[in-house]
Amino acid sequence: MTTGQQKPKAESSTTIPAIKPHLDEPRVTLFRVFNQTRNTEIGDQIGVAGDGATRRKGLLGRTNLSIGEGLWIVPCEAVHTFGMKFNIDLVYLNRRDRVVKVRPDVPPRRLSASLTAHSILELPSGTIQRTQTQPGDTLEFKRF
């Protein structure tokens, strides 16, 4: 390894492609996310923000999220909702896709973080309540 290069990080159980976060664009890879602990579907149109540019952009520019939509930001420990136009639910996950923190109905102009998180799901407001997702739950990601 030469000077200035970083040691590669261990990959999580799911391969993370770098894609555009806007779910209405044709080239977006989508995941179905299922809460194995509660036997409920979190969403069936979850996009991935897997590189620096898409993680920074996140959901900015969107006017809403429909039920079933969302964005999985990997890697990520913190998000902001500055510039957002709607409330969102946040689900923080560790490297084993286990929920470490939930924040329902986060309004615009807020910061939220979890230093133990490896990734964050940004979901329509009400998803956490509807699915009863709690810390300790295990999520499953299926690519389609």
N, C-alpha and C. Protein backbone atom coordinates (compact mmCIF):
# COMPACT_ATOMS: atom_id res chain seq x y z
N MET A 1 0.85 -1.17 0.00
CA MET A 1 0.00 0.00 0.00
C MET A 1 0.90 1.23 0.00
N THR A 2 0.65 2.17 -0.90
CA THR A 2 1.48 3.36 -0.99
C THR A 2 0.94 4.44 -0.07
N THR A 3 1.75 5.46 0.16
CA THR A 3 1.33 6.56 1.01
C THR A 3 0.10 7.23 0.41
N GLY A 4 -0.86 7.56 1.24
CA GLY A 4 -2.08 8.22 0.81
C GLY A 4 -3.21 7.26 0.47
N GLN A 5 -2.91 5.98 0.34
CA GLN A 5 -3.98 5.02 0.09
C GLN A 5 -4.54 4.52 1.41
N GLN A 6 -5.82 4.29 1.43
CA GLN A 6 -6.45 3.78 2.63
C GLN A 6 -6.61 2.28 2.51
N LYS A 7 -6.54 1.60 3.63
CA LYS A 7 -6.78 0.17 3.67
C LYS A 7 -8.25 -0.09 3.37
N PRO A 8 -8.55 -1.03 2.45
CA PRO A 8 -9.96 -1.30 2.14
C PRO A 8 -10.71 -1.78 3.36
N LYS A 9 -11.95 -1.32 3.49
CA LYS A 9 -12.80 -1.74 4.60
C LYS A 9 -13.44 -3.07 4.25
N ALA A 10 -13.74 -3.86 5.28
CA ALA A 10 -14.45 -5.12 5.08
C ALA A 10 -15.84 -4.82 4.55
N GLU A 11 -16.30 -5.61 3.58
CA GLU A 11 -17.62 -5.40 3.02
C GLU A 11 -18.68 -6.01 3.93
N SER A 12 -19.87 -5.39 3.90
CA SER A 12 -20.99 -5.97 4.65
C SER A 12 -21.52 -7.16 3.87
N SER A 13 -22.51 -7.81 4.41
CA SER A 13 -23.07 -9.01 3.79
C SER A 13 -23.74 -8.72 2.45
N THR A 14 -24.03 -7.46 2.16
CA THR A 14 -24.69 -7.09 0.92
C THR A 14 -23.75 -6.23 0.08
N THR A 15 -23.60 -6.55 -1.21
CA THR A 15 -22.78 -5.75 -2.10
C THR A 15 -23.51 -4.45 -2.38
N ILE A 16 -22.81 -3.33 -2.28
CA ILE A 16 -23.41 -2.02 -2.43
C ILE A 16 -22.99 -1.41 -3.77
N PRO A 17 -23.89 -1.35 -4.74
CA PRO A 17 -23.54 -0.70 -6.00
C PRO A 17 -23.65 0.82 -5.87
N ALA A 18 -22.83 1.54 -6.62
CA ALA A 18 -22.93 3.00 -6.65
C ALA A 18 -23.98 3.36 -7.69
N ILE A 19 -25.08 3.97 -7.26
CA ILE A 19 -26.17 4.31 -8.17
C ILE A 19 -26.68 5.70 -7.89
N LYS A 20 -27.52 6.19 -8.77
CA LYS A 20 -28.17 7.48 -8.57
C LYS A 20 -29.31 7.30 -7.58
N PRO A 21 -29.52 8.24 -6.64
CA PRO A 21 -30.53 8.06 -5.61
C PRO A 21 -31.96 8.36 -6.03
N HIS A 22 -32.18 8.99 -7.17
CA HIS A 22 -33.54 9.33 -7.55
C HIS A 22 -34.24 8.10 -8.10
N LEU A 23 -35.29 7.69 -7.44
CA LEU A 23 -35.95 6.43 -7.73
C LEU A 23 -36.70 6.44 -9.06
N ASP A 24 -36.96 7.61 -9.62
CA ASP A 24 -37.70 7.67 -10.88
C ASP A 24 -36.78 7.59 -12.10
N GLU A 25 -35.48 7.49 -11.91
CA GLU A 25 -34.55 7.36 -13.02
C GLU A 25 -34.43 5.89 -13.42
N PRO A 26 -34.32 5.58 -14.71
CA PRO A 26 -34.41 4.20 -15.18
C PRO A 26 -33.27 3.29 -14.76
N ARG A 27 -32.07 3.78 -14.46
CA ARG A 27 -30.92 2.92 -14.18
C ARG A 27 -30.75 2.60 -12.70
N VAL A 28 -31.69 2.91 -11.88
CA VAL A 28 -31.55 2.73 -10.44
C VAL A 28 -31.74 1.26 -10.06
N THR A 29 -30.78 0.73 -9.28
CA THR A 29 -30.91 -0.61 -8.72
C THR A 29 -31.76 -0.49 -7.46
N LEU A 30 -32.76 -1.34 -7.35
CA LEU A 30 -33.66 -1.28 -6.20
C LEU A 30 -33.54 -2.53 -5.35
N PHE A 31 -33.82 -2.33 -4.06
CA PHE A 31 -33.84 -3.43 -3.10
C PHE A 31 -35.22 -3.51 -2.48
N ARG A 32 -35.58 -4.72 -2.10
CA ARG A 32 -36.74 -4.96 -1.23
C ARG A 32 -36.14 -5.15 0.16
N VAL A 33 -36.64 -4.42 1.14
CA VAL A 33 -36.13 -4.50 2.51
C VAL A 33 -37.22 -5.08 3.39
N PHE A 34 -36.87 -6.15 4.09
CA PHE A 34 -37.82 -6.90 4.90
C PHE A 34 -37.30 -6.95 6.34
N ASN A 35 -38.17 -6.64 7.30
CA ASN A 35 -37.82 -6.75 8.71
C ASN A 35 -38.09 -8.19 9.13
N GLN A 36 -37.02 -8.97 9.26
CA GLN A 36 -37.15 -10.39 9.61
C GLN A 36 -37.71 -10.58 11.01
N THR A 37 -37.36 -9.70 11.91
CA THR A 37 -37.80 -9.83 13.30
C THR A 37 -39.31 -9.63 13.42
N ARG A 38 -39.85 -8.66 12.72
CA ARG A 38 -41.29 -8.32 12.82
C ARG A 38 -42.12 -8.94 11.70
N ASN A 39 -41.44 -9.59 10.72
CA ASN A 39 -42.12 -10.19 9.58
C ASN A 39 -42.94 -9.15 8.81
N THR A 40 -42.31 -7.98 8.54
CA THR A 40 -42.98 -6.91 7.81
C THR A 40 -42.05 -6.37 6.72
N GLU A 41 -42.66 -5.87 5.67
CA GLU A 41 -41.88 -5.26 4.60
C GLU A 41 -41.67 -3.78 4.89
N ILE A 42 -40.42 -3.36 4.87
CA ILE A 42 -40.07 -1.95 5.08
C ILE A 42 -40.33 -1.17 3.79
N GLY A 43 -39.89 -1.73 2.67
CA GLY A 43 -40.09 -1.08 1.38
C GLY A 43 -39.71 -2.02 0.26
N ASP A 44 -40.25 -1.74 -0.92
CA ASP A 44 -39.94 -2.57 -2.08
C ASP A 44 -39.32 -1.77 -3.22
N GLN A 45 -39.01 -0.52 -2.95
CA GLN A 45 -38.36 0.35 -3.93
C GLN A 45 -37.29 1.18 -3.22
N ILE A 46 -36.33 0.49 -2.62
CA ILE A 46 -35.27 1.17 -1.87
C ILE A 46 -34.05 1.30 -2.76
N GLY A 47 -33.69 2.54 -3.09
CA GLY A 47 -32.50 2.82 -3.88
C GLY A 47 -31.27 2.87 -2.98
N VAL A 48 -30.09 2.89 -3.59
CA VAL A 48 -28.83 2.89 -2.83
C VAL A 48 -28.01 4.12 -3.19
N ALA A 49 -27.50 4.79 -2.18
CA ALA A 49 -26.51 5.85 -2.37
C ALA A 49 -25.20 5.27 -1.83
N GLY A 50 -24.37 4.78 -2.74
CA GLY A 50 -23.18 4.05 -2.34
C GLY A 50 -21.86 4.74 -2.64
N ASP A 51 -21.89 5.95 -3.20
CA ASP A 51 -20.64 6.69 -3.42
C ASP A 51 -20.79 8.09 -2.84
N GLY A 52 -19.70 8.81 -2.77
CA GLY A 52 -19.70 10.13 -2.12
C GLY A 52 -20.73 11.09 -2.69
N ALA A 53 -20.81 11.18 -4.01
CA ALA A 53 -21.72 12.13 -4.63
C ALA A 53 -23.18 11.80 -4.33
N THR A 54 -23.55 10.53 -4.45
CA THR A 54 -24.96 10.17 -4.19
C THR A 54 -25.29 10.22 -2.71
N ARG A 55 -24.31 9.95 -1.84
CA ARG A 55 -24.56 10.07 -0.40
C ARG A 55 -24.79 11.54 -0.02
N ARG A 56 -24.00 12.45 -0.59
CA ARG A 56 -24.18 13.87 -0.30
C ARG A 56 -25.53 14.38 -0.79
N LYS A 57 -25.94 13.94 -1.97
CA LYS A 57 -27.22 14.39 -2.54
C LYS A 57 -28.41 13.81 -1.80
N GLY A 58 -28.34 12.54 -1.46
CA GLY A 58 -29.44 11.91 -0.72
C GLY A 58 -30.78 12.11 -1.39
N LEU A 59 -31.76 12.58 -0.64
CA LEU A 59 -33.10 12.83 -1.16
C LEU A 59 -33.33 14.29 -1.53
N LEU A 60 -32.27 15.11 -1.48
CA LEU A 60 -32.43 16.52 -1.82
C LEU A 60 -32.97 16.64 -3.24
N GLY A 61 -33.93 17.52 -3.42
CA GLY A 61 -34.55 17.70 -4.72
C GLY A 61 -35.86 16.93 -4.86
N ARG A 62 -36.07 15.97 -3.99
CA ARG A 62 -37.33 15.21 -4.02
C ARG A 62 -38.41 16.03 -3.31
N THR A 63 -39.65 15.85 -3.72
CA THR A 63 -40.76 16.55 -3.07
C THR A 63 -41.52 15.64 -2.11
N ASN A 64 -41.30 14.31 -2.25
CA ASN A 64 -41.94 13.37 -1.33
C ASN A 64 -41.35 11.98 -1.54
N LEU A 65 -41.73 11.05 -0.68
CA LEU A 65 -41.46 9.63 -0.83
C LEU A 65 -42.80 8.91 -0.69
N SER A 66 -43.08 8.01 -1.59
CA SER A 66 -44.30 7.21 -1.49
C SER A 66 -44.04 6.01 -0.60
N ILE A 67 -45.10 5.40 -0.08
CA ILE A 67 -44.97 4.18 0.71
C ILE A 67 -44.24 3.15 -0.13
N GLY A 68 -43.24 2.51 0.47
CA GLY A 68 -42.45 1.51 -0.22
C GLY A 68 -41.14 2.04 -0.79
N GLU A 69 -41.04 3.36 -0.97
CA GLU A 69 -39.81 3.97 -1.47
C GLU A 69 -38.86 4.29 -0.33
N GLY A 70 -37.61 4.52 -0.67
CA GLY A 70 -36.63 4.94 0.32
C GLY A 70 -35.25 5.00 -0.28
N LEU A 71 -34.29 5.36 0.54
CA LEU A 71 -32.90 5.44 0.13
C LEU A 71 -32.03 4.83 1.21
N TRP A 72 -31.15 3.92 0.80
CA TRP A 72 -30.20 3.27 1.71
C TRP A 72 -28.85 3.94 1.48
N ILE A 73 -28.35 4.65 2.48
CA ILE A 73 -27.09 5.38 2.36
C ILE A 73 -25.99 4.56 3.04
N VAL A 74 -24.98 4.15 2.24
CA VAL A 74 -23.94 3.24 2.70
C VAL A 74 -22.58 3.72 2.21
N PRO A 75 -21.57 3.85 3.02
CA PRO A 75 -21.63 3.89 4.47
C PRO A 75 -22.12 5.26 4.94
N CYS A 76 -22.66 5.30 6.13
CA CYS A 76 -23.19 6.56 6.66
C CYS A 76 -23.47 6.42 8.15
N GLU A 77 -23.07 7.42 8.91
CA GLU A 77 -23.35 7.47 10.35
C GLU A 77 -24.28 8.62 10.73
N ALA A 78 -24.42 9.60 9.81
CA ALA A 78 -25.20 10.79 10.13
C ALA A 78 -25.82 11.37 8.87
N VAL A 79 -26.98 11.99 9.03
CA VAL A 79 -27.64 12.67 7.93
C VAL A 79 -28.19 14.01 8.41
N HIS A 80 -28.50 14.87 7.44
CA HIS A 80 -29.18 16.12 7.75
C HIS A 80 -30.40 16.22 6.85
N THR A 81 -31.34 17.05 7.27
CA THR A 81 -32.53 17.26 6.45
C THR A 81 -32.64 18.73 6.02
N PHE A 82 -31.50 19.44 6.01
CA PHE A 82 -31.48 20.81 5.51
C PHE A 82 -31.79 20.77 4.02
N GLY A 83 -32.73 21.59 3.58
CA GLY A 83 -33.11 21.61 2.17
C GLY A 83 -34.20 20.61 1.81
N MET A 84 -34.58 19.78 2.75
CA MET A 84 -35.65 18.81 2.48
C MET A 84 -37.00 19.53 2.52
N LYS A 85 -37.98 18.94 1.83
CA LYS A 85 -39.31 19.53 1.76
C LYS A 85 -40.36 18.71 2.48
N PHE A 86 -39.92 17.63 3.15
CA PHE A 86 -40.88 16.74 3.81
C PHE A 86 -40.18 15.99 4.94
N ASN A 87 -40.97 15.48 5.89
CA ASN A 87 -40.45 14.69 7.01
C ASN A 87 -40.09 13.29 6.52
N ILE A 88 -39.11 12.66 7.19
CA ILE A 88 -38.72 11.30 6.86
C ILE A 88 -38.48 10.50 8.14
N ASP A 89 -38.56 9.18 8.02
CA ASP A 89 -38.16 8.26 9.07
C ASP A 89 -36.72 7.84 8.79
N LEU A 90 -35.93 7.66 9.84
CA LEU A 90 -34.54 7.21 9.72
C LEU A 90 -34.35 5.92 10.50
N VAL A 91 -33.73 4.93 9.84
CA VAL A 91 -33.41 3.66 10.48
C VAL A 91 -31.91 3.45 10.32
N TYR A 92 -31.20 3.40 11.45
CA TYR A 92 -29.74 3.24 11.47
C TYR A 92 -29.40 1.76 11.63
N LEU A 93 -28.47 1.27 10.79
CA LEU A 93 -28.11 -0.14 10.78
C LEU A 93 -26.62 -0.34 11.02
N ASN A 94 -26.27 -1.47 11.67
CA ASN A 94 -24.86 -1.82 11.79
C ASN A 94 -24.46 -2.64 10.56
N ARG A 95 -23.23 -3.13 10.54
CA ARG A 95 -22.72 -3.88 9.38
C ARG A 95 -23.46 -5.20 9.14
N ARG A 96 -24.14 -5.69 10.14
CA ARG A 96 -24.89 -6.95 10.00
C ARG A 96 -26.37 -6.71 9.72
N ASP A 97 -26.70 -5.48 9.32
CA ASP A 97 -28.08 -5.09 8.99
C ASP A 97 -29.03 -5.22 10.17
N ARG A 98 -28.49 -5.00 11.35
CA ARG A 98 -29.31 -4.96 12.56
C ARG A 98 -29.58 -3.50 12.92
N VAL A 99 -30.81 -3.20 13.27
CA VAL A 99 -31.22 -1.84 13.62
C VAL A 99 -30.56 -1.43 14.93
N VAL A 100 -29.85 -0.29 14.92
CA VAL A 100 -29.23 0.21 16.15
C VAL A 100 -29.93 1.46 16.68
N LYS A 101 -30.72 2.12 15.80
CA LYS A 101 -31.41 3.34 16.23
C LYS A 101 -32.52 3.64 15.23
N VAL A 102 -33.63 4.19 15.70
CA VAL A 102 -34.69 4.67 14.82
C VAL A 102 -35.05 6.10 15.20
N ARG A 103 -35.38 6.90 14.20
CA ARG A 103 -35.84 8.27 14.42
C ARG A 103 -37.04 8.50 13.51
N PRO A 104 -38.26 8.43 14.07
CA PRO A 104 -39.45 8.63 13.25
C PRO A 104 -39.74 10.12 12.99
N ASP A 105 -40.32 10.39 11.83
CA ASP A 105 -40.90 11.70 11.51
C ASP A 105 -39.92 12.87 11.73
N VAL A 106 -38.73 12.76 11.17
CA VAL A 106 -37.71 13.81 11.30
C VAL A 106 -38.05 14.94 10.32
N PRO A 107 -38.27 16.15 10.85
CA PRO A 107 -38.64 17.27 9.97
C PRO A 107 -37.41 17.88 9.28
N PRO A 108 -37.66 18.74 8.28
CA PRO A 108 -36.56 19.46 7.64
C PRO A 108 -35.76 20.28 8.66
N ARG A 109 -34.51 20.59 8.27
CA ARG A 109 -33.58 21.41 9.06
C ARG A 109 -33.14 20.74 10.36
N ARG A 110 -32.87 19.43 10.30
CA ARG A 110 -32.39 18.69 11.48
C ARG A 110 -31.13 17.90 11.14
N LEU A 111 -30.37 17.56 12.17
CA LEU A 111 -29.23 16.65 12.08
C LEU A 111 -29.55 15.43 12.91
N SER A 112 -29.10 14.27 12.47
CA SER A 112 -29.29 13.05 13.25
C SER A 112 -28.10 12.13 12.98
N ALA A 113 -27.61 11.47 14.05
CA ALA A 113 -26.42 10.63 13.91
C ALA A 113 -26.46 9.46 14.87
N SER A 114 -25.68 8.43 14.52
CA SER A 114 -25.41 7.31 15.41
C SER A 114 -24.00 6.82 15.09
N LEU A 115 -23.11 6.96 16.04
CA LEU A 115 -21.71 6.58 15.81
C LEU A 115 -21.53 5.08 15.68
N THR A 116 -22.54 4.29 16.04
CA THR A 116 -22.45 2.83 15.89
C THR A 116 -23.06 2.34 14.57
N ALA A 117 -23.59 3.27 13.78
CA ALA A 117 -24.24 2.89 12.52
C ALA A 117 -23.21 2.74 11.41
N HIS A 118 -23.52 1.85 10.47
CA HIS A 118 -22.74 1.69 9.25
C HIS A 118 -23.52 2.22 8.05
N SER A 119 -24.85 2.21 8.14
CA SER A 119 -25.70 2.70 7.05
C SER A 119 -27.01 3.23 7.63
N ILE A 120 -27.72 3.99 6.78
CA ILE A 120 -28.98 4.59 7.21
C ILE A 120 -30.01 4.41 6.11
N LEU A 121 -31.21 4.02 6.49
CA LEU A 121 -32.36 3.99 5.58
C LEU A 121 -33.17 5.26 5.79
N GLU A 122 -33.40 5.99 4.71
CA GLU A 122 -34.30 7.15 4.73
C GLU A 122 -35.62 6.68 4.12
N LEU A 123 -36.69 6.80 4.89
CA LEU A 123 -37.98 6.21 4.51
C LEU A 123 -39.11 7.24 4.65
N PRO A 124 -40.25 6.99 4.01
CA PRO A 124 -41.39 7.88 4.19
C PRO A 124 -41.79 7.94 5.67
N SER A 125 -42.16 9.12 6.10
CA SER A 125 -42.63 9.29 7.47
C SER A 125 -43.80 8.34 7.72
N GLY A 126 -43.77 7.64 8.84
CA GLY A 126 -44.81 6.68 9.20
C GLY A 126 -44.41 5.23 9.00
N THR A 127 -43.29 5.01 8.29
CA THR A 127 -42.85 3.64 8.02
C THR A 127 -42.44 2.91 9.30
N ILE A 128 -41.72 3.60 10.18
CA ILE A 128 -41.28 2.97 11.44
C ILE A 128 -42.50 2.54 12.26
N GLN A 129 -43.48 3.42 12.37
CA GLN A 129 -44.69 3.08 13.14
C GLN A 129 -45.47 1.95 12.46
N ARG A 130 -45.63 2.03 11.14
CA ARG A 130 -46.41 1.03 10.40
C ARG A 130 -45.79 -0.36 10.51
N THR A 131 -44.45 -0.44 10.49
CA THR A 131 -43.76 -1.73 10.52
C THR A 131 -43.31 -2.14 11.92
N GLN A 132 -43.49 -1.24 12.89
CA GLN A 132 -43.08 -1.48 14.28
C GLN A 132 -41.58 -1.79 14.40
N THR A 133 -40.78 -1.22 13.51
CA THR A 133 -39.33 -1.44 13.52
C THR A 133 -38.72 -0.81 14.76
N GLN A 134 -37.85 -1.60 15.43
CA GLN A 134 -37.22 -1.16 16.68
C GLN A 134 -35.74 -1.55 16.68
N PRO A 135 -34.94 -0.88 17.53
CA PRO A 135 -33.55 -1.31 17.69
C PRO A 135 -33.50 -2.78 18.08
N GLY A 136 -32.55 -3.49 17.47
CA GLY A 136 -32.41 -4.93 17.70
C GLY A 136 -33.00 -5.77 16.58
N ASP A 137 -33.91 -5.19 15.78
CA ASP A 137 -34.49 -5.93 14.66
C ASP A 137 -33.42 -6.18 13.59
N THR A 138 -33.57 -7.27 12.85
CA THR A 138 -32.68 -7.61 11.75
C THR A 138 -33.42 -7.42 10.43
N LEU A 139 -32.78 -6.67 9.51
CA LEU A 139 -33.36 -6.42 8.20
C LEU A 139 -32.68 -7.27 7.14
N GLU A 140 -33.44 -7.61 6.12
CA GLU A 140 -32.92 -8.38 4.99
C GLU A 140 -33.08 -7.53 3.72
N PHE A 141 -32.01 -7.44 2.93
CA PHE A 141 -32.00 -6.69 1.69
C PHE A 141 -31.95 -7.66 0.52
N LYS A 142 -32.92 -7.56 -0.39
CA LYS A 142 -32.94 -8.40 -1.59
C LYS A 142 -32.94 -7.50 -2.82
N ARG A 143 -31.95 -7.71 -3.66
CA ARG A 143 -31.82 -6.92 -4.88
C ARG A 143 -32.72 -7.51 -5.96
N PHE A 144 -33.37 -6.63 -6.74
CA PHE A 144 -34.15 -7.12 -7.87
C PHE A 144 -34.07 -6.16 -9.02
